[in-house]
N, C-alpha and C. Protein backbone atom coordinates (compact mmCIF):
# COMPACT_ATOMS: atom_id res chain seq x y z
N UNK A 1 -5.29 -72.45 11.34
CA UNK A 1 -5.43 -73.02 12.67
C UNK A 1 -6.68 -73.88 12.70
N UNK A 2 -6.62 -75.02 13.32
CA UNK A 2 -7.73 -75.95 13.40
C UNK A 2 -8.71 -75.51 14.47
N UNK A 3 -10.00 -75.66 14.18
CA UNK A 3 -11.02 -75.29 15.17
C UNK A 3 -10.83 -76.09 16.44
N UNK A 4 -11.01 -75.44 17.58
CA UNK A 4 -10.86 -76.10 18.86
C UNK A 4 -9.45 -76.06 19.40
N UNK A 5 -8.49 -75.57 18.62
CA UNK A 5 -7.10 -75.46 19.08
C UNK A 5 -6.69 -74.01 18.97
N UNK A 6 -6.26 -73.45 20.08
CA UNK A 6 -5.85 -72.07 20.09
C UNK A 6 -4.39 -71.98 20.46
N UNK A 7 -3.69 -71.09 19.81
CA UNK A 7 -2.35 -70.73 20.25
C UNK A 7 -2.54 -69.40 20.95
N UNK A 8 -2.29 -69.38 22.25
CA UNK A 8 -2.54 -68.19 23.04
C UNK A 8 -1.46 -67.17 22.76
N UNK A 9 -1.80 -66.00 22.20
CA UNK A 9 -0.78 -64.99 21.92
C UNK A 9 -0.27 -64.36 23.20
N UNK A 10 0.95 -63.90 23.17
CA UNK A 10 1.53 -63.22 24.33
C UNK A 10 1.24 -61.73 24.18
N UNK A 11 0.36 -61.19 25.02
CA UNK A 11 0.09 -59.76 24.94
C UNK A 11 1.30 -58.96 25.40
N UNK A 12 1.49 -57.75 24.83
CA UNK A 12 2.62 -56.93 25.27
C UNK A 12 2.52 -56.63 26.76
N UNK A 13 3.63 -56.64 27.44
CA UNK A 13 3.66 -56.33 28.86
C UNK A 13 3.03 -57.39 29.72
N UNK A 14 3.11 -58.67 29.29
CA UNK A 14 2.54 -59.77 30.05
C UNK A 14 3.08 -59.78 31.47
N UNK A 15 2.20 -59.84 32.47
CA UNK A 15 2.68 -59.91 33.85
C UNK A 15 3.38 -61.24 34.08
N UNK A 16 4.08 -61.36 35.17
CA UNK A 16 4.81 -62.58 35.46
C UNK A 16 3.89 -63.68 35.99
N UNK A 17 2.58 -63.50 35.83
CA UNK A 17 1.60 -64.52 36.21
C UNK A 17 0.61 -64.64 35.05
N UNK A 18 0.27 -65.84 34.69
CA UNK A 18 -0.66 -66.07 33.60
C UNK A 18 -1.67 -67.11 34.04
N UNK A 19 -2.97 -66.83 33.81
CA UNK A 19 -4.02 -67.78 34.14
C UNK A 19 -4.65 -68.26 32.85
N UNK A 20 -4.76 -69.59 32.70
CA UNK A 20 -5.31 -70.20 31.50
C UNK A 20 -6.47 -71.09 31.90
N UNK A 21 -7.65 -70.85 31.31
CA UNK A 21 -8.84 -71.66 31.57
C UNK A 21 -9.39 -72.10 30.23
N UNK A 22 -9.59 -73.42 30.06
CA UNK A 22 -9.93 -73.92 28.72
C UNK A 22 -11.42 -73.99 28.42
N UNK A 23 -12.24 -74.49 29.30
CA UNK A 23 -13.70 -74.59 29.10
C UNK A 23 -14.10 -75.22 27.77
N UNK A 24 -14.11 -76.52 27.71
CA UNK A 24 -14.60 -77.29 26.57
C UNK A 24 -13.78 -77.19 25.30
N UNK A 25 -12.56 -76.73 25.37
CA UNK A 25 -11.73 -76.67 24.17
C UNK A 25 -10.28 -76.90 24.57
N UNK A 26 -9.41 -76.95 23.57
CA UNK A 26 -7.99 -77.13 23.82
C UNK A 26 -7.29 -75.79 23.68
N UNK A 27 -6.58 -75.39 24.71
CA UNK A 27 -5.74 -74.20 24.67
C UNK A 27 -4.30 -74.69 24.54
N UNK A 28 -3.59 -74.18 23.55
CA UNK A 28 -2.23 -74.65 23.29
C UNK A 28 -1.30 -73.45 23.19
N UNK A 29 -0.18 -73.55 23.88
CA UNK A 29 0.88 -72.55 23.72
C UNK A 29 2.12 -73.30 23.31
N UNK A 30 2.72 -72.89 22.19
CA UNK A 30 3.87 -73.59 21.64
C UNK A 30 4.77 -72.61 20.91
N UNK A 31 5.94 -73.08 20.51
CA UNK A 31 6.88 -72.25 19.77
C UNK A 31 7.69 -71.37 20.71
N UNK A 32 8.10 -70.22 20.20
CA UNK A 32 8.91 -69.27 20.96
C UNK A 32 7.98 -68.39 21.79
N UNK A 33 7.94 -68.63 23.09
CA UNK A 33 7.10 -67.81 23.97
C UNK A 33 7.80 -67.65 25.30
N UNK A 34 7.46 -66.60 26.00
CA UNK A 34 8.05 -66.30 27.29
C UNK A 34 7.18 -66.88 28.40
N UNK A 35 7.75 -67.79 29.17
CA UNK A 35 7.03 -68.43 30.26
C UNK A 35 7.06 -67.50 31.47
N UNK A 36 5.90 -67.14 32.00
CA UNK A 36 5.90 -66.31 33.21
C UNK A 36 6.38 -67.14 34.40
N UNK A 37 6.72 -66.46 35.48
CA UNK A 37 7.21 -67.16 36.67
C UNK A 37 6.12 -68.02 37.30
N UNK A 38 4.85 -67.65 37.10
CA UNK A 38 3.76 -68.40 37.70
C UNK A 38 2.63 -68.58 36.69
N UNK A 39 2.23 -69.82 36.48
CA UNK A 39 1.10 -70.14 35.60
C UNK A 39 0.01 -70.79 36.44
N UNK A 40 -1.22 -70.35 36.26
CA UNK A 40 -2.36 -71.01 36.90
C UNK A 40 -3.18 -71.63 35.79
N UNK A 41 -3.37 -72.94 35.85
CA UNK A 41 -4.01 -73.69 34.78
C UNK A 41 -5.29 -74.32 35.30
N UNK A 42 -6.42 -73.99 34.64
CA UNK A 42 -7.72 -74.56 34.99
C UNK A 42 -8.30 -75.19 33.73
N UNK A 43 -8.08 -76.50 33.53
CA UNK A 43 -8.53 -77.09 32.27
C UNK A 43 -10.04 -77.29 32.17
N UNK A 44 -10.77 -77.29 33.31
CA UNK A 44 -12.21 -77.55 33.22
C UNK A 44 -12.43 -78.84 32.47
N UNK A 45 -13.46 -78.92 31.62
CA UNK A 45 -13.66 -80.13 30.83
C UNK A 45 -12.90 -80.09 29.50
N UNK A 46 -11.89 -79.27 29.40
CA UNK A 46 -11.10 -79.16 28.18
C UNK A 46 -9.66 -79.59 28.44
N UNK A 47 -8.74 -79.03 27.65
CA UNK A 47 -7.32 -79.38 27.78
C UNK A 47 -6.47 -78.14 27.65
N UNK A 48 -5.36 -78.14 28.39
CA UNK A 48 -4.36 -77.09 28.27
C UNK A 48 -3.04 -77.77 27.95
N UNK A 49 -2.42 -77.38 26.83
CA UNK A 49 -1.15 -77.95 26.39
C UNK A 49 -0.13 -76.82 26.39
N UNK A 50 0.89 -76.94 27.24
CA UNK A 50 1.97 -75.95 27.30
C UNK A 50 3.25 -76.62 26.83
N UNK A 51 3.63 -76.29 25.60
CA UNK A 51 4.83 -76.85 25.00
C UNK A 51 5.98 -75.87 25.26
N UNK A 52 6.91 -76.29 26.11
CA UNK A 52 8.01 -75.42 26.53
C UNK A 52 9.32 -75.75 25.82
N UNK A 53 9.26 -76.49 24.72
CA UNK A 53 10.48 -76.91 24.04
C UNK A 53 11.30 -75.72 23.51
N UNK A 54 10.63 -74.66 23.07
CA UNK A 54 11.33 -73.48 22.55
C UNK A 54 11.06 -72.25 23.41
N UNK A 55 10.49 -72.45 24.57
CA UNK A 55 10.09 -71.33 25.42
C UNK A 55 11.28 -70.71 26.13
N UNK A 56 11.11 -69.43 26.48
CA UNK A 56 12.10 -68.71 27.29
C UNK A 56 11.59 -68.71 28.72
N UNK A 57 12.45 -69.10 29.67
CA UNK A 57 12.04 -69.26 31.06
C UNK A 57 12.51 -68.08 31.91
N UNK A 58 11.90 -67.92 33.12
CA UNK A 58 12.33 -66.84 34.01
C UNK A 58 13.81 -66.94 34.37
N UNK A 59 14.37 -65.82 34.79
CA UNK A 59 15.80 -65.75 35.09
C UNK A 59 16.22 -66.73 36.17
N UNK A 60 15.34 -67.00 37.15
CA UNK A 60 15.73 -67.92 38.23
C UNK A 60 15.57 -69.39 37.83
N UNK A 61 15.14 -69.63 36.59
CA UNK A 61 15.00 -70.97 36.03
C UNK A 61 13.99 -71.85 36.78
N UNK A 62 13.00 -71.22 37.39
CA UNK A 62 11.94 -71.96 38.07
C UNK A 62 10.60 -71.54 37.47
N UNK A 63 9.84 -72.51 37.00
CA UNK A 63 8.51 -72.28 36.44
C UNK A 63 7.51 -72.91 37.40
N UNK A 64 6.65 -72.09 37.99
CA UNK A 64 5.65 -72.59 38.93
C UNK A 64 4.32 -72.73 38.18
N UNK A 65 3.78 -73.95 38.20
CA UNK A 65 2.51 -74.22 37.53
C UNK A 65 1.52 -74.69 38.58
N UNK A 66 0.49 -73.86 38.80
CA UNK A 66 -0.56 -74.20 39.76
C UNK A 66 -1.72 -74.80 38.99
N UNK A 67 -2.09 -76.03 39.34
CA UNK A 67 -3.19 -76.72 38.69
C UNK A 67 -4.43 -76.54 39.54
N UNK A 68 -5.51 -76.07 38.92
CA UNK A 68 -6.78 -75.93 39.61
C UNK A 68 -7.73 -76.94 38.99
N UNK A 69 -7.81 -78.10 39.62
CA UNK A 69 -8.59 -79.20 39.07
C UNK A 69 -9.71 -79.64 39.96
N UNK A 70 -10.50 -78.71 40.45
CA UNK A 70 -11.59 -79.05 41.35
C UNK A 70 -12.76 -79.71 40.64
N UNK A 71 -13.03 -79.31 39.41
CA UNK A 71 -14.19 -79.85 38.71
C UNK A 71 -13.82 -80.13 37.27
N UNK A 72 -14.70 -80.81 36.59
CA UNK A 72 -14.45 -81.13 35.19
C UNK A 72 -13.58 -82.37 35.07
N UNK A 73 -13.35 -82.77 33.87
CA UNK A 73 -12.52 -83.94 33.61
C UNK A 73 -11.45 -83.55 32.61
N UNK A 74 -10.74 -82.49 32.90
CA UNK A 74 -9.80 -81.92 31.95
C UNK A 74 -8.44 -82.59 31.96
N UNK A 75 -7.57 -82.06 31.10
CA UNK A 75 -6.22 -82.57 30.94
C UNK A 75 -5.25 -81.41 30.88
N UNK A 76 -4.12 -81.56 31.56
CA UNK A 76 -3.01 -80.62 31.47
C UNK A 76 -1.81 -81.40 30.96
N UNK A 77 -1.23 -80.93 29.85
CA UNK A 77 -0.04 -81.56 29.28
C UNK A 77 1.07 -80.53 29.23
N UNK A 78 2.17 -80.81 29.90
CA UNK A 78 3.36 -79.96 29.84
C UNK A 78 4.43 -80.72 29.08
N UNK A 79 4.96 -80.10 28.04
CA UNK A 79 6.02 -80.72 27.24
C UNK A 79 7.29 -79.93 27.53
N UNK A 80 8.27 -80.59 28.13
CA UNK A 80 9.50 -79.90 28.55
C UNK A 80 10.72 -80.54 27.88
N UNK A 81 11.77 -79.75 27.68
CA UNK A 81 13.00 -80.32 27.12
C UNK A 81 13.61 -81.34 28.09
N UNK A 82 14.27 -82.34 27.53
CA UNK A 82 14.97 -83.32 28.36
C UNK A 82 16.04 -82.59 29.17
N UNK A 83 16.15 -82.97 30.43
CA UNK A 83 17.11 -82.32 31.32
C UNK A 83 16.46 -81.36 32.29
N UNK A 84 15.23 -80.95 32.00
CA UNK A 84 14.50 -80.10 32.95
C UNK A 84 14.09 -80.96 34.14
N UNK A 85 13.97 -80.35 35.31
CA UNK A 85 13.47 -81.05 36.48
C UNK A 85 11.98 -80.83 36.64
N UNK A 86 11.31 -81.78 37.28
CA UNK A 86 9.87 -81.67 37.52
C UNK A 86 9.61 -82.05 38.97
N UNK A 87 9.13 -81.06 39.75
CA UNK A 87 8.86 -81.24 41.17
C UNK A 87 7.35 -81.32 41.37
N UNK A 88 6.84 -82.46 41.84
CA UNK A 88 5.39 -82.63 42.00
C UNK A 88 4.97 -82.79 43.47
N UNK A 89 5.87 -82.56 44.41
CA UNK A 89 5.53 -82.78 45.81
C UNK A 89 4.48 -81.80 46.32
N UNK A 90 4.28 -80.66 45.68
CA UNK A 90 3.32 -79.66 46.14
C UNK A 90 1.94 -79.81 45.56
N UNK A 91 1.69 -80.87 44.80
CA UNK A 91 0.36 -81.02 44.20
C UNK A 91 -0.48 -81.96 45.06
N UNK A 92 -1.72 -81.54 45.31
CA UNK A 92 -2.65 -82.32 46.13
C UNK A 92 -3.40 -83.28 45.22
N UNK A 93 -3.23 -84.56 45.45
CA UNK A 93 -3.85 -85.59 44.61
C UNK A 93 -5.22 -85.96 45.15
N UNK A 94 -6.06 -86.47 44.31
CA UNK A 94 -7.37 -86.93 44.72
C UNK A 94 -8.27 -87.11 43.51
N UNK A 95 -9.40 -87.74 43.70
CA UNK A 95 -10.33 -87.94 42.59
C UNK A 95 -9.82 -88.99 41.62
N UNK A 96 -10.23 -88.87 40.37
CA UNK A 96 -9.91 -89.88 39.37
C UNK A 96 -8.81 -89.45 38.41
N UNK A 97 -8.20 -88.31 38.60
CA UNK A 97 -7.18 -87.83 37.68
C UNK A 97 -5.86 -88.56 37.83
N UNK A 98 -5.13 -88.67 36.73
CA UNK A 98 -3.81 -89.29 36.73
C UNK A 98 -2.73 -88.22 36.83
N UNK A 99 -1.63 -88.58 37.43
CA UNK A 99 -0.43 -87.74 37.45
C UNK A 99 0.70 -88.57 36.90
N UNK A 100 1.15 -88.22 35.69
CA UNK A 100 2.19 -88.98 35.00
C UNK A 100 3.34 -88.03 34.70
N UNK A 101 4.51 -88.36 35.19
CA UNK A 101 5.70 -87.55 34.96
C UNK A 101 6.76 -88.42 34.32
N UNK A 102 7.09 -88.12 33.07
CA UNK A 102 8.08 -88.90 32.33
C UNK A 102 9.46 -88.26 32.35
N UNK A 103 9.64 -87.21 33.11
CA UNK A 103 10.93 -86.55 33.18
C UNK A 103 11.49 -86.67 34.59
N UNK A 104 12.76 -86.37 34.74
CA UNK A 104 13.44 -86.53 36.03
C UNK A 104 13.02 -85.48 37.03
N UNK A 105 13.16 -85.80 38.31
CA UNK A 105 12.76 -84.88 39.38
C UNK A 105 13.75 -83.74 39.54
N UNK A 106 15.02 -84.01 39.39
CA UNK A 106 16.05 -82.99 39.59
C UNK A 106 16.61 -82.57 38.23
N UNK A 107 16.66 -81.27 38.02
CA UNK A 107 17.16 -80.75 36.74
C UNK A 107 18.66 -80.96 36.62
N UNK A 108 19.12 -81.12 35.39
CA UNK A 108 20.56 -81.12 35.14
C UNK A 108 21.10 -79.74 35.43
N UNK A 109 22.38 -79.64 35.67
CA UNK A 109 23.01 -78.36 36.00
C UNK A 109 22.66 -77.30 34.95
N UNK A 110 22.18 -76.16 35.42
CA UNK A 110 21.86 -75.03 34.54
C UNK A 110 20.51 -75.13 33.84
N UNK A 111 19.77 -76.21 34.06
CA UNK A 111 18.48 -76.39 33.40
C UNK A 111 17.35 -75.97 34.35
N UNK A 112 16.21 -75.54 33.80
CA UNK A 112 15.07 -75.10 34.62
C UNK A 112 14.37 -76.25 35.34
N UNK A 113 13.55 -75.87 36.31
CA UNK A 113 12.71 -76.81 37.05
C UNK A 113 11.27 -76.34 36.98
N UNK A 114 10.35 -77.27 36.70
CA UNK A 114 8.93 -77.00 36.74
C UNK A 114 8.43 -77.48 38.10
N UNK A 115 7.78 -76.59 38.86
CA UNK A 115 7.24 -76.92 40.17
C UNK A 115 5.72 -76.94 40.06
N UNK A 116 5.13 -78.13 40.21
CA UNK A 116 3.67 -78.27 40.13
C UNK A 116 3.08 -78.15 41.52
N UNK A 117 2.04 -77.30 41.65
CA UNK A 117 1.31 -77.15 42.91
C UNK A 117 -0.17 -77.15 42.59
N UNK A 118 -0.99 -77.07 43.62
CA UNK A 118 -2.43 -76.96 43.42
C UNK A 118 -3.16 -78.25 43.72
N UNK A 119 -4.37 -78.35 43.16
CA UNK A 119 -5.26 -79.48 43.41
C UNK A 119 -5.49 -80.20 42.09
N UNK A 120 -5.36 -81.52 42.10
CA UNK A 120 -5.41 -82.29 40.88
C UNK A 120 -6.59 -83.27 40.87
N UNK A 121 -7.71 -82.92 41.47
CA UNK A 121 -8.88 -83.80 41.48
C UNK A 121 -9.56 -83.80 40.11
N UNK A 122 -9.85 -84.97 39.61
CA UNK A 122 -10.60 -85.14 38.36
C UNK A 122 -9.91 -84.53 37.15
N UNK A 123 -8.63 -84.24 37.25
CA UNK A 123 -7.86 -83.68 36.14
C UNK A 123 -6.63 -84.55 35.94
N UNK A 124 -6.37 -84.92 34.69
CA UNK A 124 -5.16 -85.67 34.39
C UNK A 124 -4.04 -84.70 34.08
N UNK A 125 -2.90 -84.90 34.71
CA UNK A 125 -1.72 -84.05 34.49
C UNK A 125 -0.60 -84.94 33.99
N UNK A 126 -0.02 -84.56 32.86
CA UNK A 126 1.10 -85.31 32.31
C UNK A 126 2.22 -84.34 31.97
N UNK A 127 3.44 -84.70 32.37
CA UNK A 127 4.63 -83.94 32.02
C UNK A 127 5.53 -84.90 31.26
N UNK A 128 5.90 -84.52 30.05
CA UNK A 128 6.73 -85.40 29.23
C UNK A 128 7.75 -84.61 28.44
N UNK A 129 8.68 -85.32 27.87
CA UNK A 129 9.70 -84.72 27.03
C UNK A 129 9.27 -84.67 25.57
N UNK A 130 10.22 -84.33 24.71
CA UNK A 130 9.97 -84.17 23.27
C UNK A 130 9.59 -85.50 22.62
N UNK A 131 8.63 -85.42 21.72
CA UNK A 131 8.26 -86.54 20.86
C UNK A 131 8.42 -86.07 19.41
N UNK A 132 8.51 -87.00 18.48
CA UNK A 132 8.77 -86.65 17.09
C UNK A 132 7.67 -85.77 16.51
N UNK A 133 6.45 -85.92 16.96
CA UNK A 133 5.32 -85.16 16.38
C UNK A 133 5.19 -83.74 16.93
N UNK A 134 5.95 -83.38 17.96
CA UNK A 134 5.84 -82.03 18.53
C UNK A 134 6.20 -80.94 17.52
N UNK A 135 7.21 -81.18 16.69
CA UNK A 135 7.60 -80.19 15.68
C UNK A 135 6.48 -80.00 14.67
N UNK A 136 5.78 -81.07 14.33
CA UNK A 136 4.67 -80.98 13.38
C UNK A 136 3.54 -80.13 13.96
N UNK A 137 3.21 -80.33 15.25
CA UNK A 137 2.17 -79.52 15.88
C UNK A 137 2.57 -78.04 15.93
N UNK A 138 3.84 -77.76 16.21
CA UNK A 138 4.29 -76.37 16.26
C UNK A 138 4.13 -75.68 14.93
N UNK A 139 4.49 -76.33 13.84
CA UNK A 139 4.37 -75.68 12.53
C UNK A 139 2.92 -75.59 12.10
N UNK A 140 2.12 -76.59 12.42
CA UNK A 140 0.71 -76.57 12.05
C UNK A 140 -0.04 -75.47 12.79
N UNK A 141 0.23 -75.30 14.10
CA UNK A 141 -0.47 -74.29 14.88
C UNK A 141 -0.04 -72.88 14.50
N UNK A 142 1.15 -72.72 13.95
CA UNK A 142 1.64 -71.40 13.60
C UNK A 142 0.94 -70.86 12.35
N UNK A 143 0.35 -71.72 11.55
CA UNK A 143 -0.31 -71.28 10.30
C UNK A 143 -1.72 -70.87 10.53
């Protein structure tokens, strides 16, 4: 594993809520992992990368991601499979952060939806689909 990049392990009995705070480093979750129903992401001056390409989602197919971007100049990157929906109407915009969504707002039939909420001041949030290099990052981080 490369210094500064962490693959966050899933502890046994993970609650259906997960809070991730990066603080000057990159926190990365990728590969086969169980997405809790609610994620709270605080990138601070670091980055949080949640790769959901091989992830298992909650039974109701809704993933709620609360962004806490009050301070710092962090980045949140969500990588979702094509066909997932991305709802950003609940996120409060402000400051200098960007909000870039490269996926559709409404999910295809039977596909999950990511619902973004919270405050996005001074934090860049990007939601995108699969890129060719994502598989390389998954295998590299697993070693």
